[in-house]
C-alpha atoms as a PDB file:
ATOM      1  CA  MET A   1      99.291 108.576 126.297  1.00  0.00           C
ATOM      2  CA  SER A   2      99.419 110.007 122.764  1.00  0.00           C
ATOM      3  CA  LYS A   3      98.161 108.017 119.820  1.00  0.00           C
ATOM      4  CA  LYS A   4     100.625 106.422 117.423  1.00  0.00           C
ATOM      5  CA  SER A   5     100.933 108.298 114.137  1.00  0.00           C
ATOM      6  CA  VAL A   6     100.327 106.336 110.939  1.00  0.00           C
ATOM      7  CA  ALA A   7     100.890 107.646 107.420  1.00  0.00           C
ATOM      8  CA  LEU A   8      98.633 105.999 104.819  1.00  0.00           C
ATOM      9  CA  LEU A   9     100.498 106.263 101.534  1.00  0.00           C
ATOM     10  CA  ASP A  10      98.412 107.849  98.778  1.00  0.00           C
ATOM     11  CA  TYR A  11      99.832 106.787  95.417  1.00  0.00           C
ATOM     12  CA  GLY A  12      96.620 106.303  93.479  1.00  0.00           C
ATOM     13  CA  SER A  13      95.899 102.732  94.526  1.00  0.00           C
ATOM     14  CA  GLY A  14      94.118 101.293  97.509  1.00  0.00           C
ATOM     15  CA  ASN A  15      90.973 101.601  99.572  1.00  0.00           C
ATOM     16  CA  LEU A  16      92.196 104.768 101.250  1.00  0.00           C
ATOM     17  CA  HIS A  17      88.944 105.785 102.940  1.00  0.00           C
ATOM     18  CA  SER A  18      88.119 102.366 104.361  1.00  0.00           C
ATOM     19  CA  ALA A  19      91.745 101.817 105.393  1.00  0.00           C
ATOM     20  CA  GLU A  20      91.835 105.223 107.079  1.00  0.00           C
ATOM     21  CA  ARG A  21      88.608 104.523 108.981  1.00  0.00           C
ATOM     22  CA  ALA A  22      89.849 101.111 110.091  1.00  0.00           C
ATOM     23  CA  LEU A  23      93.179 102.505 111.336  1.00  0.00           C
ATOM     24  CA  VAL A  24      91.441 105.329 113.212  1.00  0.00           C
ATOM     25  CA  ARG A  25      89.061 102.843 114.834  1.00  0.00           C
ATOM     26  CA  ALA A  26      92.064 100.744 115.806  1.00  0.00           C
ATOM     27  CA  GLY A  27      93.481 103.693 117.716  1.00  0.00           C
ATOM     28  CA  ALA A  28      95.915 105.436 115.368  1.00  0.00           C
ATOM     29  CA  GLN A  29      96.260 109.067 114.412  1.00  0.00           C
ATOM     30  CA  VAL A  30      96.144 108.761 110.610  1.00  0.00           C
ATOM     31  CA  GLU A  31      97.254 111.040 107.800  1.00  0.00           C
ATOM     32  CA  VAL A  32      96.619 110.150 104.162  1.00  0.00           C
ATOM     33  CA  THR A  33      99.648 111.510 102.344  1.00  0.00           C
ATOM     34  CA  ALA A  34     102.143 111.283  99.515  1.00  0.00           C
ATOM     35  CA  ASP A  35     104.473 113.759 101.212  1.00  0.00           C
ATOM     36  CA  PRO A  36     107.882 112.124 101.797  1.00  0.00           C
ATOM     37  CA  GLN A  37     108.644 113.887 105.074  1.00  0.00           C
ATOM     38  CA  THR A  38     105.259 113.011 106.559  1.00  0.00           C
ATOM     39  CA  ALA A  39     105.622 109.394 105.448  1.00  0.00           C
ATOM     40  CA  LEU A  40     109.119 109.168 106.919  1.00  0.00           C
ATOM     41  CA  ALA A  41     108.253 110.866 110.202  1.00  0.00           C
ATOM     42  CA  ALA A  42     105.190 108.793 111.148  1.00  0.00           C
ATOM     43  CA  ASP A  43     105.463 105.955 113.672  1.00  0.00           C
ATOM     44  CA  GLY A  44     104.109 103.577 111.035  1.00  0.00           C
ATOM     45  CA  LEU A  45     103.596 103.618 107.259  1.00  0.00           C
ATOM     46  CA  VAL A  46     100.765 101.672 105.605  1.00  0.00           C
ATOM     47  CA  VAL A  47     101.053 100.847 101.892  1.00  0.00           C
ATOM     48  CA  PRO A  48      97.642  99.800 100.523  1.00  0.00           C
ATOM     49  CA  GLY A  49      97.058  98.417  97.045  1.00  0.00           C
ATOM     50  CA  VAL A  50      94.300  97.133  94.779  1.00  0.00           C
ATOM     51  CA  GLY A  51      94.206  96.229  91.110  1.00  0.00           C
ATOM     52  CA  ALA A  52      97.066  95.263  88.829  1.00  0.00           C
ATOM     53  CA  TYR A  53     100.643  94.850  90.035  1.00  0.00           C
ATOM     54  CA  ALA A  54     102.091  96.923  87.164  1.00  0.00           C
ATOM     55  CA  ALA A  55      99.685  99.805  87.753  1.00  0.00           C
ATOM     56  CA  CYS A  56     100.441  99.812  91.474  1.00  0.00           C
ATOM     57  CA  MET A  57     104.186  99.907  90.844  1.00  0.00           C
ATOM     58  CA  ALA A  58     103.767 102.753  88.353  1.00  0.00           C
ATOM     59  CA  GLY A  59     101.801 104.754  90.895  1.00  0.00           C
ATOM     60  CA  LEU A  60     104.250 103.931  93.661  1.00  0.00           C
ATOM     61  CA  ARG A  61     107.246 105.010  91.605  1.00  0.00           C
ATOM     62  CA  ALA A  62     105.479 108.251  90.639  1.00  0.00           C
ATOM     63  CA  VAL A  63     105.584 109.337  94.299  1.00  0.00           C
ATOM     64  CA  ARG A  64     108.932 107.601  94.938  1.00  0.00           C
ATOM     65  CA  GLY A  65     107.130 105.267  97.295  1.00  0.00           C
ATOM     66  CA  GLU A  66     109.657 102.476  96.845  1.00  0.00           C
ATOM     67  CA  ARG A  67     112.365 104.831  98.160  1.00  0.00           C
ATOM     68  CA  LEU A  68     110.218 105.826 101.135  1.00  0.00           C
ATOM     69  CA  ILE A  69     109.719 102.167 102.015  1.00  0.00           C
ATOM     70  CA  GLY A  70     113.437 101.469 101.689  1.00  0.00           C
ATOM     71  CA  GLN A  71     114.411 104.521 103.748  1.00  0.00           C
ATOM     72  CA  ARG A  72     112.039 103.610 106.558  1.00  0.00           C
ATOM     73  CA  LEU A  73     113.214 100.018 106.678  1.00  0.00           C
ATOM     74  CA  ALA A  74     116.869 101.063 106.653  1.00  0.00           C
ATOM     75  CA  GLY A  75     116.146 102.930 109.879  1.00  0.00           C
ATOM     76  CA  GLY A  76     114.107 100.085 111.397  1.00  0.00           C
ATOM     77  CA  ARG A  77     110.860 102.053 110.990  1.00  0.00           C
ATOM     78  CA  PRO A  78     107.693  99.917 110.642  1.00  0.00           C
ATOM     79  CA  VAL A  79     105.884  99.463 107.324  1.00  0.00           C
ATOM     80  CA  LEU A  80     102.677  97.462 106.701  1.00  0.00           C
ATOM     81  CA  GLY A  81     101.680  96.423 103.165  1.00  0.00           C
ATOM     82  CA  ILE A  82      98.095  95.402 102.359  1.00  0.00           C
ATOM     83  CA  CYS A  83      96.950  93.200  99.425  1.00  0.00           C
ATOM     84  CA  VAL A  84      98.826  94.415  96.320  1.00  0.00           C
ATOM     85  CA  GLY A  85     100.736  96.571  98.805  1.00  0.00           C
ATOM     86  CA  MET A  86     102.141  93.253 100.043  1.00  0.00           C
ATOM     87  CA  GLN A  87     102.767  91.858  96.565  1.00  0.00           C
ATOM     88  CA  ILE A  88     104.867  94.810  95.379  1.00  0.00           C
ATOM     89  CA  LEU A  89     107.324  94.206  98.232  1.00  0.00           C
ATOM     90  CA  PHE A  90     108.633  91.150  96.344  1.00  0.00           C
ATOM     91  CA  ASP A  91     111.167  91.231  93.495  1.00  0.00           C
ATOM     92  CA  ARG A  92     108.635  90.918  90.700  1.00  0.00           C
ATOM     93  CA  GLY A  93     105.056  90.246  89.692  1.00  0.00           C
ATOM     94  CA  VAL A  94     103.828  88.337  86.639  1.00  0.00           C
ATOM     95  CA  GLU A  95     100.350  89.114  85.310  1.00  0.00           C
ATOM     96  CA  PHE A  96      99.011  88.128  81.882  1.00  0.00           C
ATOM     97  CA  GLY A  97     102.544  87.081  80.899  1.00  0.00           C
ATOM     98  CA  VAL A  98     103.965  90.521  81.704  1.00  0.00           C
ATOM     99  CA  GLU A  99     106.740  90.694  84.291  1.00  0.00           C
ATOM    100  CA  THR A 100     106.986  93.868  86.399  1.00  0.00           C
ATOM    101  CA  GLU A 101     109.839  94.753  88.720  1.00  0.00           C
ATOM    102  CA  GLY A 102     108.722  95.271  92.321  1.00  0.00           C
ATOM    103  CA  CYS A 103     110.328  96.957  95.320  1.00  0.00           C
ATOM    104  CA  GLY A 104     112.696  94.050  95.927  1.00  0.00           C
ATOM    105  CA  GLU A 105     112.461  94.051  99.705  1.00  0.00           C
ATOM    106  CA  TRP A 106     111.891  90.289  99.555  1.00  0.00           C
ATOM    107  CA  PRO A 107     113.128  87.834  96.908  1.00  0.00           C
ATOM    108  CA  GLY A 108     110.545  85.984  94.899  1.00  0.00           C
ATOM    109  CA  THR A 109     107.767  86.285  92.352  1.00  0.00           C
ATOM    110  CA  VAL A 110     104.068  87.011  92.729  1.00  0.00           C
ATOM    111  CA  ALA A 111     102.159  84.855  90.242  1.00  0.00           C
ATOM    112  CA  GLY A 112      98.653  83.605  89.503  1.00  0.00           C
ATOM    113  CA  LEU A 113      96.991  81.109  91.809  1.00  0.00           C
ATOM    114  CA  ASP A 114      96.276  77.687  90.326  1.00  0.00           C
ATOM    115  CA  ALA A 115      92.684  77.382  91.513  1.00  0.00           C
ATOM    116  CA  PRO A 116      89.377  76.295  89.951  1.00  0.00           C
ATOM    117  CA  VAL A 117      87.683  79.583  90.848  1.00  0.00           C
ATOM    118  CA  LEU A 118      89.329  82.987  90.565  1.00  0.00           C
ATOM    119  CA  PRO A 119      89.515  85.493  92.025  1.00  0.00           C
ATOM    120  CA  HIS A 120      89.857  84.118  95.530  1.00  0.00           C
ATOM    121  CA  MET A 121      87.112  86.282  96.990  1.00  0.00           C
ATOM    122  CA  GLY A 122      85.643  85.961 100.444  1.00  0.00           C
ATOM    123  CA  TRP A 123      86.505  84.778 103.927  1.00  0.00           C
ATOM    124  CA  ASN A 124      89.254  82.282 104.662  1.00  0.00           C
ATOM    125  CA  THR A 125      91.249  81.032 107.614  1.00  0.00           C
ATOM    126  CA  VAL A 126      95.023  81.380 107.958  1.00  0.00           C
ATOM    127  CA  GLN A 127      97.762  79.377 109.658  1.00  0.00           C
ATOM    128  CA  ALA A 128      99.779  81.830 111.740  1.00  0.00           C
ATOM    129  CA  PRO A 129     102.894  80.994 113.766  1.00  0.00           C
ATOM    130  CA  ALA A 130     102.545  80.840 117.544  1.00  0.00           C
ATOM    131  CA  ASP A 131     104.890  83.799 118.047  1.00  0.00           C
ATOM    132  CA  SER A 132     103.065  86.106 115.611  1.00  0.00           C
ATOM    133  CA  THR A 133     102.591  89.714 116.684  1.00  0.00           C
ATOM    134  CA  LEU A 134      99.910  90.485 114.084  1.00  0.00           C
ATOM    135  CA  PHE A 135      97.722  87.501 114.997  1.00  0.00           C
ATOM    136  CA  ALA A 136      98.300  87.525 118.768  1.00  0.00           C
ATOM    137  CA  GLY A 137      95.120  86.764 120.685  1.00  0.00           C
ATOM    138  CA  MET A 138      93.272  85.215 117.724  1.00  0.00           C
ATOM    139  CA  ASP A 139      92.295  81.573 117.383  1.00  0.00           C
ATOM    140  CA  ALA A 140      92.939  79.277 114.431  1.00  0.00           C
ATOM    141  CA  GLU A 141      89.369  79.587 113.120  1.00  0.00           C
ATOM    142  CA  THR A 142      89.536  83.378 112.713  1.00  0.00           C
ATOM    143  CA  ARG A 143      88.654  84.378 109.156  1.00  0.00           C
ATOM    144  CA  PHE A 144      89.893  87.262 107.040  1.00  0.00           C
ATOM    145  CA  TYR A 145      88.583  88.781 103.805  1.00  0.00           C
ATOM    146  CA  PHE A 146      90.536  88.118 100.603  1.00  0.00           C
ATOM    147  CA  VAL A 147      90.111  89.481  97.064  1.00  0.00           C
ATOM    148  CA  HIS A 148      92.943  88.421  94.748  1.00  0.00           C
ATOM    149  CA  SER A 149      94.003  86.141  91.914  1.00  0.00           C
ATOM    150  CA  TYR A 150      97.764  86.436  92.482  1.00  0.00           C
ATOM    151  CA  ALA A 151     100.008  85.798  95.462  1.00  0.00           C
ATOM    152  CA  ALA A 152     103.491  84.881  96.604  1.00  0.00           C
ATOM    153  CA  GLN A 153     103.486  81.108  96.879  1.00  0.00           C
ATOM    154  CA  GLN A 154     107.023  80.548  98.178  1.00  0.00           C
ATOM    155  CA  TRP A 155     109.268  82.216 100.742  1.00  0.00           C
ATOM    156  CA  GLU A 156     112.747  82.589  99.280  1.00  0.00           C
ATOM    157  CA  LEU A 157     114.574  84.771 101.810  1.00  0.00           C
ATOM    158  CA  PRO A 158     117.301  82.603 103.378  1.00  0.00           C
ATOM    159  CA  ASP A 159     117.662  82.505 107.158  1.00  0.00           C
ATOM    160  CA  SER A 160     120.473  84.563 108.638  1.00  0.00           C
ATOM    161  CA  ASP A 161     122.579  84.092 111.769  1.00  0.00           C
ATOM    162  CA  HIS A 162     122.208  87.815 112.473  1.00  0.00           C
ATOM    163  CA  ILE A 163     118.496  88.414 111.894  1.00  0.00           C
ATOM    164  CA  ALA A 164     115.503  86.605 113.365  1.00  0.00           C
ATOM    165  CA  PRO A 165     113.715  84.506 110.725  1.00  0.00           C
ATOM    166  CA  ALA A 166     110.544  85.930 109.222  1.00  0.00           C
ATOM    167  CA  ARG A 167     107.245  84.801 110.713  1.00  0.00           C
ATOM    168  CA  LEU A 168     105.133  83.419 107.876  1.00  0.00           C
ATOM    169  CA  THR A 169     101.365  82.990 107.820  1.00  0.00           C
ATOM    170  CA  TRP A 170      99.844  80.778 105.132  1.00  0.00           C
ATOM    171  CA  SER A 171      96.418  80.254 103.627  1.00  0.00           C
ATOM    172  CA  GLU A 172      95.148  78.117 100.770  1.00  0.00           C
ATOM    173  CA  HIS A 173      93.001  78.591  97.686  1.00  0.00           C
ATOM    174  CA  GLY A 174      93.774  75.862  95.167  1.00  0.00           C
ATOM    175  CA  VAL A 175      97.401  76.077  96.327  1.00  0.00           C
ATOM    176  CA  PRO A 176      99.096  77.334  99.512  1.00  0.00           C
ATOM    177  CA  PHE A 177     100.075  80.994  99.447  1.00  0.00           C
ATOM    178  CA  LEU A 178     101.507  83.555 101.850  1.00  0.00           C
ATOM    179  CA  ALA A 179      98.673  85.302 103.686  1.00  0.00           C
ATOM    180  CA  ALA A 180     100.983  87.456 105.822  1.00  0.00           C
ATOM    181  CA  VAL A 181     104.650  88.064 106.544  1.00  0.00           C
ATOM    182  CA  GLU A 182     106.296  89.611 109.612  1.00  0.00           C
ATOM    183  CA  ASN A 183     109.950  90.345 108.873  1.00  0.00           C
ATOM    184  CA  GLY A 184     111.491  92.780 111.349  1.00  0.00           C
ATOM    185  CA  PRO A 185     109.983  96.239 110.745  1.00  0.00           C
ATOM    186  CA  LEU A 186     108.322  95.069 107.501  1.00  0.00           C
ATOM    187  CA  SER A 187     104.926  93.360 107.757  1.00  0.00           C
ATOM    188  CA  ALA A 188     102.279  92.652 105.153  1.00  0.00           C
ATOM    189  CA  THR A 189      98.940  90.924 104.648  1.00  0.00           C
ATOM    190  CA  GLN A 190      97.480  89.516 101.425  1.00  0.00           C
ATOM    191  CA  PHE A 191      93.971  89.872 102.846  1.00  0.00           C
ATOM    192  CA  HIS A 192      92.250  93.176 103.615  1.00  0.00           C
ATOM    193  CA  PRO A 193      92.201  93.851 107.371  1.00  0.00           C
ATOM    194  CA  GLU A 194      90.074  96.950 106.742  1.00  0.00           C
ATOM    195  CA  LYS A 195      87.366  94.673 105.265  1.00  0.00           C
ATOM    196  CA  SER A 196      87.771  91.873 107.819  1.00  0.00           C
ATOM    197  CA  GLY A 197      85.505  93.159 110.598  1.00  0.00           C
ATOM    198  CA  ASP A 198      86.516  92.500 114.188  1.00  0.00           C
ATOM    199  CA  ALA A 199      89.371  90.213 113.148  1.00  0.00           C
ATOM    200  CA  GLY A 200      90.899  92.894 110.953  1.00  0.00           C
ATOM    201  CA  ALA A 201      90.473  95.520 113.666  1.00  0.00           C
ATOM    202  CA  HIS A 202      92.222  93.210 116.142  1.00  0.00           C
ATOM    203  CA  LEU A 203      95.135  92.719 113.735  1.00  0.00           C
ATOM    204  CA  LEU A 204      95.486  96.460 113.095  1.00  0.00           C
ATOM    205  CA  ARG A 205      95.446  97.154 116.854  1.00  0.00           C
ATOM    206  CA  ASN A 206      98.182  94.552 117.312  1.00  0.00           C
ATOM    207  CA  TRP A 207     100.298  96.268 114.654  1.00  0.00           C
ATOM    208  CA  ILE A 208      99.679  99.774 116.009  1.00  0.00           C
ATOM    209  CA  ASP A 209     100.495  98.625 119.563  1.00  0.00           C
ATOM    210  CA  SER A 210     103.832  97.289 118.256  1.00  0.00           C
ATOM    211  CA  LEU A 211     104.913 100.669 116.827  1.00  0.00           C
END
């Protein structure tokens, strides 16, 4: 049985080497690329992201990454966003009072966490739905590695009679925030699976197996 192909989008932001290693260990055939045809043809596309929302969006737009994401989703082709790669899927991000337009795949705003200590850095548990694909086979005490000061803190996409509702996974640091979303072919995690040891490897295998 051939390995699933995964394109890791190179747009100048993200832990590309660690993400590539983690995806390979999880069983994927991985290509780090900014080439549109390669990104469109792969079984799965991973959009990493670290740093500031505005900088990530600038880098993404420079390689027309937002169009690649939209084209894949229009054809029902899986995409996985990681950390800021999750945040830029929402309508907008607000950092230091500056509002930046995102990809607009999901309604809502990414904003600063109201917490006594920032960034939220380290291991934390999540509350995943029972029917989750990403978290299948993991118990409630499983911990994942987070590094962020901003997050989506509400889910604003209304339910539809024609589409299954999104599966939402929450965590908490000062306030509740979205730790992961599974919405048809579009999935994302606020934490870093590539830095989350066995738990992250398990999650990536679950995603790759679903491709």
